[in-house]
């Protein structure tokens, strides 16, 4: 909507437009990544620029506002202090933890990356500070430019940019450009989340825990196209369900799906951090490792990640303060996560049984 100059209009709540625009973005990312990683990586690279550049512009507007006017949102020690005494206000912290997830998908692409042992750690060390900076400085800029009570859950980012452009004067043309880059960034994000998990499903298909079709590669482009297309079809179904449930229930359904997904997604993280600590403590030749990989440093890092993961999982089960039926919320989140884990267990059990019968 901001790209075409219709930001903050009724078009933002037009479900036909939302559905068609989102579906177009999804299948564009699918088509590019089915063609192959050599093509799809450019979508991811452009997506990164489409996130960083608008973020940098927002931070610039925020710095200008901090130097020229008072904050639109009162920022005091009292207002920035989390209210840990009210458990119903903690649900958002689970989303914050989830916002930093996804780097482990890089390792899934290890076979398609040149010198992954060197390239992957370097990419993380470079990206992590930028990500943290944009989250923190971007949020501070947004709150300085727009009152927190007026921030829209979807378009707050561009509300702040529009306010910053007005402060500067004559920079209104930046908003459609930044919005276009941000759309590109989101499409690139879709591509990243398609390619990484598709490789996991591909390997599971090769091991015959999923139907063997998941282990197929495209004869021309050599990509796990069945896994990618399956994800896209499931995503399309979820989009249709969101349209059928339009209204205030969409936000509630979104939050329930997000918290359910977070519980499922973070279960492997528990294993990852425990393994990270265990491997580091048993590693030979500790004197040959850099300072940030010493046993003390890796233990502290692993414990911090483990505690954050467990804390986020607990917080995800706490319903927000405006939830009409808190126990129903818990039932949907915890029960939904348990259902998906059960489905995974059944798939694994069937695969094991088929493998044993094949050997027999």
Protein backbone atom coordinates (compact mmCIF):
# COMPACT_ATOMS: atom_id res chain seq x y z
CA UNK A 1 0.00 0.00 0.00
CA UNK A 2 2.83 2.43 0.73
CA UNK A 3 4.54 1.55 -2.57
CA UNK A 4 1.50 2.70 -4.54
CA UNK A 5 0.83 5.71 -2.31
CA UNK A 6 -2.13 4.15 -0.47
CA UNK A 7 -0.59 3.80 2.96
CA UNK A 8 -2.84 4.41 5.98
CA UNK A 9 -5.95 3.98 3.83
CA UNK A 10 -8.78 1.44 3.81
CA UNK A 11 -6.77 -0.63 1.32
CA UNK A 12 -4.64 -1.85 4.25
CA UNK A 13 -7.68 -3.72 5.58
CA UNK A 14 -8.99 -4.88 2.20
CA UNK A 15 -8.76 -8.66 2.45
CA UNK A 16 -8.98 -9.23 -1.30
CA UNK A 17 -5.98 -6.99 -1.88
CA UNK A 18 -4.05 -8.47 1.07
CA UNK A 19 -4.67 -12.03 -0.09
CA UNK A 20 -3.73 -11.43 -3.73
CA UNK A 21 -0.62 -9.37 -2.89
CA UNK A 22 0.62 -11.92 -0.37
CA UNK A 23 -0.09 -14.85 -2.65
CA UNK A 24 1.79 -13.16 -5.49
CA UNK A 25 4.82 -12.55 -3.27
CA UNK A 26 4.78 -16.15 -2.03
CA UNK A 27 4.68 -17.78 -5.45
CA UNK A 28 7.22 -15.36 -6.89
CA UNK A 29 9.67 -16.51 -4.22
CA UNK A 30 8.73 -20.13 -4.96
CA UNK A 31 9.35 -19.78 -8.69
CA UNK A 32 12.74 -18.13 -8.22
CA UNK A 33 13.93 -20.76 -5.71
CA UNK A 34 12.67 -23.73 -7.73
CA UNK A 35 14.84 -22.48 -10.61
CA UNK A 36 17.86 -22.91 -8.34
CA UNK A 37 19.98 -21.46 -5.57
CA UNK A 38 22.22 -19.61 -8.01
CA UNK A 39 19.15 -17.60 -9.01
CA UNK A 40 17.39 -17.65 -5.65
CA UNK A 41 20.40 -16.33 -3.76
CA UNK A 42 20.07 -13.01 -5.59
CA UNK A 43 16.54 -12.73 -4.23
CA UNK A 44 17.88 -13.34 -0.71
CA UNK A 45 20.72 -10.83 -1.25
CA UNK A 46 18.33 -8.18 -2.54
CA UNK A 47 16.04 -9.06 0.34
CA UNK A 48 18.83 -8.30 2.83
CA UNK A 49 19.42 -4.90 1.21
CA UNK A 50 15.66 -4.34 1.21
CA UNK A 51 15.69 -4.78 4.98
CA UNK A 52 18.89 -2.95 5.90
CA UNK A 53 18.43 0.15 3.72
CA UNK A 54 14.92 1.09 4.96
CA UNK A 55 16.07 0.25 8.49
CA UNK A 56 19.02 2.60 8.16
CA UNK A 57 16.74 5.34 6.79
CA UNK A 58 14.40 4.91 9.78
CA UNK A 59 17.31 5.14 12.22
CA UNK A 60 18.50 8.29 10.41
CA UNK A 61 15.07 9.87 10.78
CA UNK A 62 15.05 8.85 14.43
CA UNK A 63 18.44 10.43 15.11
CA UNK A 64 17.30 13.66 13.44
CA UNK A 65 14.13 13.68 15.56
CA UNK A 66 16.11 13.04 18.75
CA UNK A 67 18.25 16.10 18.01
CA UNK A 68 15.39 18.40 17.01
CA UNK A 69 12.29 17.57 19.06
CA UNK A 70 10.92 15.72 22.06
CA UNK A 71 9.96 12.09 21.87
CA UNK A 72 6.40 11.28 20.75
CA UNK A 73 6.44 8.46 23.28
CA UNK A 74 7.44 9.26 26.87
CA UNK A 75 10.74 7.42 27.37
CA UNK A 76 11.61 7.25 31.04
CA UNK A 77 13.03 4.61 33.34
CA UNK A 78 9.48 3.75 34.36
CA UNK A 79 8.06 3.42 30.84
CA UNK A 80 10.90 1.25 29.48
CA UNK A 81 10.98 -1.06 32.51
CA UNK A 82 9.27 -4.40 31.76
CA UNK A 83 6.39 -5.16 34.13
CA UNK A 84 7.44 -8.65 35.14
CA UNK A 85 4.83 -8.67 37.88
CA UNK A 86 2.05 -8.93 35.28
CA UNK A 87 2.57 -12.28 33.57
CA UNK A 88 -0.04 -11.48 30.90
CA UNK A 89 2.26 -8.75 29.50
CA UNK A 90 5.16 -11.13 28.92
CA UNK A 91 3.85 -12.95 25.84
CA UNK A 92 5.60 -10.49 23.52
CA UNK A 93 9.00 -11.56 24.89
CA UNK A 94 8.56 -14.94 23.25
CA UNK A 95 8.19 -13.20 19.88
CA UNK A 96 11.35 -11.20 20.57
CA UNK A 97 13.28 -14.43 21.15
CA UNK A 98 11.84 -15.90 17.97
CA UNK A 99 12.94 -12.83 16.01
CA UNK A 100 16.57 -13.91 16.48
CA UNK A 101 15.96 -17.47 15.30
CA UNK A 102 16.82 -18.80 11.86
CA UNK A 103 20.62 -18.60 11.70
CA UNK A 104 20.81 -22.37 12.12
CA UNK A 105 19.25 -22.73 8.67
CA UNK A 106 22.56 -21.53 7.21
CA UNK A 107 24.15 -24.86 8.17
CA UNK A 108 21.46 -26.73 6.23
CA UNK A 109 22.87 -25.10 3.08
CA UNK A 110 26.44 -26.14 3.93
CA UNK A 111 26.85 -28.39 0.89
CA UNK A 112 25.93 -25.52 -1.42
CA UNK A 113 28.28 -22.93 0.14
CA UNK A 114 31.94 -22.48 -0.70
CA UNK A 115 34.15 -23.22 2.31
CA UNK A 116 31.22 -23.31 4.80
CA UNK A 117 33.48 -23.82 7.84
CA UNK A 118 34.93 -20.37 7.21
CA UNK A 119 32.06 -18.62 5.42
CA UNK A 120 29.17 -19.42 7.82
CA UNK A 121 30.79 -18.24 11.08
CA UNK A 122 32.05 -15.11 9.35
CA UNK A 123 28.55 -14.32 8.02
CA UNK A 124 27.07 -14.72 11.50
CA UNK A 125 29.69 -12.50 13.16
CA UNK A 126 29.02 -9.81 10.55
CA UNK A 127 25.22 -10.07 10.46
CA UNK A 128 24.45 -10.46 14.18
CA UNK A 129 25.58 -6.95 15.25
CA UNK A 130 23.70 -5.36 12.33
CA UNK A 131 20.55 -7.29 13.21
CA UNK A 132 20.74 -6.34 16.89
CA UNK A 133 21.45 -2.71 16.04
CA UNK A 134 18.49 -2.42 13.66
CA UNK A 135 16.12 -4.05 16.15
CA UNK A 136 17.17 -1.79 19.03
CA UNK A 137 17.86 1.48 17.20
CA UNK A 138 14.90 0.96 14.85
CA UNK A 139 12.50 0.44 17.77
CA UNK A 140 13.87 3.50 19.59
CA UNK A 141 13.48 5.59 16.44
CA UNK A 142 9.92 4.40 15.86
CA UNK A 143 8.89 5.23 19.43
CA UNK A 144 10.51 8.67 19.20
CA UNK A 145 8.67 9.46 15.97
CA UNK A 146 5.23 7.95 16.70
CA UNK A 147 3.30 7.64 19.99
CA UNK A 148 3.29 4.01 21.08
CA UNK A 149 -0.51 4.07 21.35
CA UNK A 150 -0.80 4.96 17.65
CA UNK A 151 1.64 2.38 16.28
CA UNK A 152 -0.12 0.05 13.84
CA UNK A 153 0.78 -3.62 14.32
CA UNK A 154 1.51 -4.01 10.59
CA UNK A 155 2.47 -0.60 9.23
CA UNK A 156 4.10 1.04 12.26
CA UNK A 157 7.47 0.90 10.50
CA UNK A 158 6.22 3.15 7.70
CA UNK A 159 4.19 5.35 10.01
CA UNK A 160 7.49 6.28 11.64
CA UNK A 161 9.23 6.80 8.29
CA UNK A 162 6.42 9.07 7.11
CA UNK A 163 6.69 11.11 10.31
CA UNK A 164 10.45 11.37 9.86
CA UNK A 165 10.08 12.46 6.24
CA UNK A 166 7.66 15.21 7.31
CA UNK A 167 10.20 16.46 9.87
CA UNK A 168 12.83 16.73 7.16
CA UNK A 169 10.47 18.17 4.57
CA UNK A 170 10.56 17.29 0.89
CA UNK A 171 11.52 13.65 1.47
CA UNK A 172 8.10 12.12 0.92
CA UNK A 173 9.42 10.35 -2.17
CA UNK A 174 11.58 8.19 0.09
CA UNK A 175 8.55 6.39 1.55
CA UNK A 176 7.41 4.53 -1.63
CA UNK A 177 11.03 3.68 -2.43
CA UNK A 178 11.71 2.35 1.07
CA UNK A 179 8.43 0.44 1.00
CA UNK A 180 9.37 -1.19 -2.32
CA UNK A 181 12.72 -2.24 -0.86
CA UNK A 182 11.00 -3.56 2.25
CA UNK A 183 8.56 -5.62 0.16
CA UNK A 184 11.56 -7.03 -1.68
CA UNK A 185 13.15 -7.78 1.68
CA UNK A 186 10.10 -9.75 2.78
CA UNK A 187 10.01 -11.72 -0.47
CA UNK A 188 13.69 -12.50 0.05
CA UNK A 189 12.86 -13.68 3.57
CA UNK A 190 10.20 -15.99 2.15
CA UNK A 191 12.82 -17.41 -0.21
CA UNK A 192 15.22 -18.06 2.66
CA UNK A 193 12.55 -19.84 4.68
CA UNK A 194 11.60 -21.92 1.65
CA UNK A 195 15.08 -23.10 0.70
CA UNK A 196 16.40 -24.01 4.16
CA UNK A 197 13.53 -26.20 5.44
CA UNK A 198 13.12 -27.69 1.95
CA UNK A 199 16.58 -29.22 2.26
CA UNK A 200 15.55 -30.77 5.57
CA UNK A 201 12.38 -32.23 4.04
CA UNK A 202 14.48 -33.41 1.07
CA UNK A 203 16.82 -35.42 3.31
CA UNK A 204 13.89 -36.83 5.29
CA UNK A 205 12.42 -37.93 1.95
CA UNK A 206 15.71 -39.62 1.02
CA UNK A 207 15.60 -41.50 4.34
CA UNK A 208 12.01 -42.54 3.48
CA UNK A 209 10.44 -41.05 6.61
CA UNK A 210 8.57 -38.72 4.27
CA UNK A 211 7.18 -40.06 0.99
CA UNK A 212 10.06 -40.71 -1.45
CA UNK A 213 8.83 -37.89 -3.71
CA UNK A 214 10.32 -35.40 -1.22
CA UNK A 215 13.74 -36.78 -2.13
CA UNK A 216 13.38 -35.88 -5.80
CA UNK A 217 15.39 -33.11 -7.43
CA UNK A 218 14.36 -31.19 -10.51
CA UNK A 219 15.95 -32.78 -13.61
CA UNK A 220 17.08 -29.41 -14.93
CA UNK A 221 17.56 -27.10 -11.95
CA UNK A 222 18.66 -29.75 -9.39
CA UNK A 223 16.50 -28.34 -6.60
CA UNK A 224 14.21 -30.22 -4.14
CA UNK A 225 11.20 -28.86 -5.96
CA UNK A 226 8.64 -31.24 -4.41
CA UNK A 227 9.56 -30.09 -0.90
CA UNK A 228 9.48 -26.42 -1.94
CA UNK A 229 6.13 -26.75 -3.71
CA UNK A 230 4.62 -28.65 -0.78
CA UNK A 231 5.57 -25.83 1.59
CA UNK A 232 4.09 -23.28 -0.81
CA UNK A 233 0.80 -25.18 -1.06
CA UNK A 234 0.53 -25.43 2.74
CA UNK A 235 1.31 -21.72 3.07
CA UNK A 236 -1.42 -20.95 0.52
CA UNK A 237 -3.91 -22.99 2.56
CA UNK A 238 -3.01 -21.02 5.68
CA UNK A 239 -3.51 -17.78 3.74
CA UNK A 240 -6.96 -18.91 2.64
CA UNK A 241 -7.86 -19.82 6.23
CA UNK A 242 -6.76 -16.38 7.39
CA UNK A 243 -9.06 -14.78 4.82
CA UNK A 244 -11.97 -16.99 5.88
CA UNK A 245 -11.36 -15.89 9.47
CA UNK A 246 -10.96 -12.21 8.74
CA UNK A 247 -11.76 -9.71 11.42
CA UNK A 248 -10.45 -9.33 14.93
CA UNK A 249 -10.09 -13.11 15.21
CA UNK A 250 -7.24 -13.04 12.69
CA UNK A 251 -4.93 -11.25 15.12
CA UNK A 252 -5.81 -13.75 17.84
CA UNK A 253 -5.38 -16.69 15.47
CA UNK A 254 -2.07 -15.25 14.31
CA UNK A 255 -0.81 -15.01 17.88
CA UNK A 256 -1.93 -18.57 18.66
CA UNK A 257 -0.21 -19.89 15.52
CA UNK A 258 2.93 -17.90 16.31
CA UNK A 259 3.16 -19.19 19.88
CA UNK A 260 2.38 -22.75 18.79
CA UNK A 261 5.06 -22.58 16.10
CA UNK A 262 7.51 -21.11 18.60
CA UNK A 263 7.04 -24.04 20.99
CA UNK A 264 7.65 -26.53 18.19
CA UNK A 265 10.50 -24.60 16.64
CA UNK A 266 12.41 -24.17 19.89
CA UNK A 267 12.42 -27.85 20.88
CA UNK A 268 15.46 -28.59 18.62
CA UNK A 269 17.13 -25.46 20.02
CA UNK A 270 17.23 -27.13 23.44
CA UNK A 271 19.16 -30.03 21.90
CA UNK A 272 21.41 -27.66 19.95
CA UNK A 273 22.50 -25.66 22.99
CA UNK A 274 23.02 -28.76 25.14
CA UNK A 275 25.11 -30.35 22.38
CA UNK A 276 27.03 -27.11 21.90
CA UNK A 277 28.00 -27.03 25.56
CA UNK A 278 28.83 -30.75 25.63
CA UNK A 279 30.99 -30.70 22.49
CA UNK A 280 32.84 -27.59 23.67
CA UNK A 281 33.65 -29.10 27.06
CA UNK A 282 34.97 -32.31 25.48
CA UNK A 283 36.92 -30.61 22.67
CA UNK A 284 40.66 -31.33 22.51
CA UNK A 285 43.45 -28.75 22.31
CA UNK A 286 41.56 -25.86 23.95
CA UNK A 287 44.65 -23.66 23.58
CA UNK A 288 44.29 -23.78 19.79
CA UNK A 289 40.86 -22.16 19.82
CA UNK A 290 40.21 -18.39 19.67
CA UNK A 291 39.12 -16.59 22.86
CA UNK A 292 35.45 -16.66 21.96
CA UNK A 293 35.54 -20.47 21.74
CA UNK A 294 37.15 -21.19 25.10
CA UNK A 295 35.29 -23.57 27.39
CA UNK A 296 34.19 -20.75 29.68
CA UNK A 297 32.94 -18.57 26.79
CA UNK A 298 31.10 -21.42 25.04
CA UNK A 299 29.54 -22.61 28.31
CA UNK A 300 28.26 -19.10 29.11
CA UNK A 301 26.97 -18.69 25.54
CA UNK A 302 25.30 -22.10 25.54
CA UNK A 303 23.66 -21.58 28.94
CA UNK A 304 22.43 -18.11 27.93
CA UNK A 305 20.87 -19.53 24.77
CA UNK A 306 19.38 -22.50 26.61
CA UNK A 307 17.82 -20.37 29.36
CA UNK A 308 16.47 -17.85 26.82
CA UNK A 309 14.93 -20.68 24.79
CA UNK A 310 13.28 -22.32 27.81
CA UNK A 311 12.07 -18.93 29.06
CA UNK A 312 10.57 -18.05 25.67
CA UNK A 313 8.74 -21.39 25.55
CA UNK A 314 7.23 -20.80 28.99
CA UNK A 315 6.24 -17.21 28.16
CA UNK A 316 4.61 -18.34 24.89
CA UNK A 317 2.03 -20.27 26.90
CA UNK A 318 0.96 -17.17 28.87
CA UNK A 319 -2.10 -15.54 27.23
CA UNK A 320 -2.14 -11.74 26.70
CA UNK A 321 -4.10 -9.63 29.15
CA UNK A 322 -7.03 -9.06 26.76
CA UNK A 323 -7.63 -12.79 26.16
CA UNK A 324 -11.29 -13.65 26.83
CA UNK A 325 -10.62 -17.28 27.76
CA UNK A 326 -7.03 -17.77 28.97
CA UNK A 327 -7.35 -21.54 29.42
CA UNK A 328 -8.67 -21.97 25.89
CA UNK A 329 -5.64 -20.00 24.66
CA UNK A 330 -3.30 -22.35 26.57
CA UNK A 331 -5.15 -25.38 25.28
CA UNK A 332 -4.81 -24.26 21.67
CA UNK A 333 -1.12 -23.31 21.98
CA UNK A 334 0.10 -26.27 24.04
CA UNK A 335 -2.34 -28.75 22.49
CA UNK A 336 -1.50 -27.57 18.98
CA UNK A 337 2.23 -27.94 19.61
CA UNK A 338 1.70 -31.39 21.12
CA UNK A 339 -0.41 -32.40 18.11
CA UNK A 340 2.32 -31.44 15.64
CA UNK A 341 4.96 -33.25 17.72
CA UNK A 342 2.68 -36.31 17.75
CA UNK A 343 2.30 -36.13 13.96
CA UNK A 344 6.09 -35.99 13.67
CA UNK A 345 6.38 -39.00 15.95
CA UNK A 346 3.90 -40.97 13.86
CA UNK A 347 5.77 -40.09 10.64
CA UNK A 348 9.05 -41.19 12.25
CA UNK A 349 7.52 -44.40 13.60
CA UNK A 350 6.06 -45.34 10.22
CA UNK A 351 9.41 -44.63 8.55
CA UNK A 352 11.28 -46.79 11.07
CA UNK A 353 8.81 -49.61 10.65
CA UNK A 354 9.07 -49.46 6.85
CA UNK A 355 12.89 -49.45 7.07
CA UNK A 356 12.88 -52.50 9.34
CA UNK A 357 10.42 -54.39 7.15
CA UNK A 358 12.59 -53.53 4.11
CA UNK A 359 15.67 -54.97 5.78
CA UNK A 360 13.71 -58.02 6.81
